[in-house]
Protein backbone atom coordinates (compact mmCIF):
# COMPACT_ATOMS: atom_id res chain seq x y z
CA MET A 1 0.00 0.00 0.00
CA PRO A 2 1.52 3.38 -0.97
CA LYS A 3 1.89 5.87 1.84
CA PRO A 4 -0.57 8.77 1.78
CA PRO A 5 0.68 12.35 1.75
CA LEU A 6 1.33 13.92 5.15
CA THR A 7 0.96 17.55 6.19
CA VAL A 8 2.61 18.82 9.37
CA SER A 9 2.64 22.36 10.74
CA SER A 10 5.97 24.11 11.13
CA LEU A 11 5.20 24.54 14.85
CA ASP A 12 4.49 20.81 15.35
CA LEU A 13 7.63 19.91 13.38
CA GLU A 14 9.81 22.19 15.50
CA ARG A 15 8.39 20.86 18.77
CA LEU A 16 8.57 17.22 17.70
CA GLU A 17 12.14 17.48 16.44
CA THR A 18 13.11 19.10 19.75
CA LEU A 19 11.30 16.32 21.64
CA LEU A 20 13.07 13.61 19.63
CA GLN A 21 16.42 15.09 20.71
CA THR A 22 15.61 14.68 24.44
CA SER A 23 16.49 11.54 26.38
CA ALA A 24 12.85 10.43 26.23
CA GLY A 25 12.81 10.94 22.47
CA ALA A 26 16.15 9.23 21.97
CA SER A 27 14.90 6.10 23.79
CA PHE A 28 11.50 6.06 22.03
CA PRO A 29 11.40 2.76 20.05
CA GLY A 30 9.39 4.29 17.19
CA ARG A 31 11.78 7.22 16.76
CA PRO A 32 13.15 6.15 13.33
CA GLN A 33 9.66 5.70 11.88
CA LEU A 34 8.37 9.01 13.28
CA GLN A 35 11.46 10.85 12.05
CA ALA A 36 11.04 9.29 8.58
CA GLU A 37 7.42 10.49 8.48
CA LEU A 38 8.43 14.01 9.55
CA ASP A 39 11.12 13.99 6.85
CA ARG A 40 8.62 13.14 4.09
CA ALA A 41 5.83 15.47 5.28
CA ASP A 42 4.75 18.66 3.54
CA ILE A 43 5.42 21.43 6.07
CA VAL A 44 2.97 24.35 6.24
CA ASN A 45 2.50 27.36 8.48
CA PRO A 46 -0.13 26.72 11.17
CA ALA A 47 -2.42 29.38 9.64
CA ASP A 48 -2.35 27.50 6.31
CA MET A 49 -3.15 24.05 7.74
CA PRO A 50 -6.00 22.32 5.87
CA PRO A 51 -8.88 21.69 8.31
CA GLU A 52 -9.09 17.94 7.65
CA VAL A 53 -5.49 17.16 8.73
CA VAL A 54 -4.56 15.56 12.08
CA THR A 55 -2.20 17.89 13.95
CA MET A 56 -0.88 17.82 17.49
CA ASN A 57 -3.71 18.38 20.00
CA SER A 58 -6.33 17.45 17.40
CA THR A 59 -9.22 15.21 18.38
CA VAL A 60 -9.70 12.55 15.74
CA LYS A 61 -12.13 9.72 15.04
CA PHE A 62 -10.29 6.78 13.53
CA SER A 63 -10.39 3.02 13.21
CA ILE A 64 -7.88 0.22 13.32
CA GLN A 65 -8.68 -1.74 10.18
CA GLU A 66 -7.40 -5.11 11.46
CA THR A 67 -9.71 -5.08 14.50
CA GLY A 68 -12.57 -2.95 13.20
CA LYS A 69 -12.48 -0.93 16.42
CA ASP A 70 -13.34 2.78 16.31
CA PHE A 71 -11.78 5.41 18.57
CA CYS A 72 -12.04 9.13 19.25
CA LEU A 73 -8.83 10.39 20.87
CA THR A 74 -6.77 13.56 21.16
CA LEU A 75 -3.19 13.39 19.83
CA VAL A 76 -0.90 14.84 22.52
CA TYR A 77 2.72 15.26 23.50
CA PRO A 78 3.94 12.60 25.99
CA ARG A 79 3.89 15.04 28.93
CA ASP A 80 0.13 15.56 28.40
CA ALA A 81 -0.87 11.91 27.93
CA GLY A 82 -1.76 11.34 31.59
CA SER A 83 -3.61 14.59 32.17
CA THR A 84 -5.68 14.87 28.99
CA PRO A 85 -8.86 12.74 28.87
CA ASN A 86 -9.07 10.29 25.96
CA ALA A 87 -5.53 11.11 24.86
CA ILE A 88 -3.04 9.21 22.73
CA SER A 89 0.63 10.13 22.90
CA ILE A 90 2.57 10.88 19.74
CA PHE A 91 4.99 8.24 21.12
CA ALA A 92 2.31 5.51 20.93
CA PRO A 93 2.37 3.61 17.61
CA VAL A 94 -1.15 4.77 16.70
CA GLY A 95 -0.28 8.35 17.68
CA SER A 96 2.74 8.41 15.39
CA ALA A 97 0.64 6.91 12.60
CA LEU A 98 -2.10 9.55 12.90
CA LEU A 99 0.06 12.68 12.69
CA GLY A 100 -0.32 14.47 9.37
CA LEU A 101 -2.99 12.20 7.90
CA SER A 102 -6.12 13.66 6.33
CA VAL A 103 -9.71 12.46 6.61
CA GLY A 104 -10.09 9.32 4.49
CA ASN A 105 -6.38 8.44 4.58
CA GLU A 106 -5.06 5.20 5.97
CA LEU A 107 -1.54 4.17 6.87
CA ALA A 108 0.04 0.85 7.85
CA TRP A 109 2.29 1.32 10.88
CA PRO A 110 4.60 -1.10 12.73
CA VAL A 111 3.69 -2.12 16.27
CA PRO A 112 5.76 -3.92 18.91
CA GLY A 113 6.20 -7.57 18.07
CA GLY A 114 6.80 -6.97 14.37
CA ALA A 115 3.17 -6.77 13.23
CA CYS A 116 1.53 -3.82 11.49
CA MET A 117 -1.76 -2.04 12.08
CA THR A 118 -3.63 0.06 9.57
CA VAL A 119 -5.06 3.32 10.90
CA ARG A 120 -7.89 5.00 8.96
CA VAL A 121 -8.95 8.59 9.74
CA ALA A 122 -12.73 9.12 9.72
CA GLU A 123 -13.04 12.68 11.06
CA VAL A 124 -11.04 15.45 12.69
CA THR A 125 -13.57 16.70 15.24
CA TYR A 126 -11.26 19.37 16.65
CA GLN A 127 -8.10 20.90 15.23
CA PRO A 128 -6.36 23.77 17.05
CA GLU A 129 -5.36 25.50 13.81
CA ARG A 130 -8.94 25.40 12.50
CA SER A 131 -10.05 27.01 15.77
CA GLY A 132 -7.51 29.82 15.44
CA GLU A 133 -5.17 28.42 18.11
CA LEU A 134 -2.00 28.84 16.10
CA HIS A 135 0.57 28.90 18.92
CA ARG A 136 -0.70 26.25 21.32
C-alpha cells in the first residue's frame, strides 16, 4: 500500500524534532519511523493548515482496520498523555501513525512484536489550527 501524503505544521515539526532530541525521544522505540514520516511530510505554516489534517492536540475519530475498532482520541505530547482525557501520545504507535494524515487516509504502521496495524482517519472533530489556536 503506498503511503498517503502527510501535512505537518511548522510549529508541530519544531516541537517534535526538539522532543526527539531529548532523552525520552532518543529512547523512544518508534523514533526512526516518526522521524522518517516528519522527513517526508509537507510542512505548512499553522495558519495554512487544511482543516481535515490531524495535527498535534487534534481530536480525531479513527479506526484500526485489522480489529474494526473505532476510537475518538486527542493526539498529545507525551507530557500531556496522563492529564488529557481520551488522549493518545505521539509516542504511541497509533499516535505516530495519525500525525499528518487527512480524513479518508489510511496508513500501515509497525507495532511492537513486528506486526503492522492500519489506521484510517474518519473525522477530525477538533483541530487547534482550524479554531484559530496557532501557537498552542
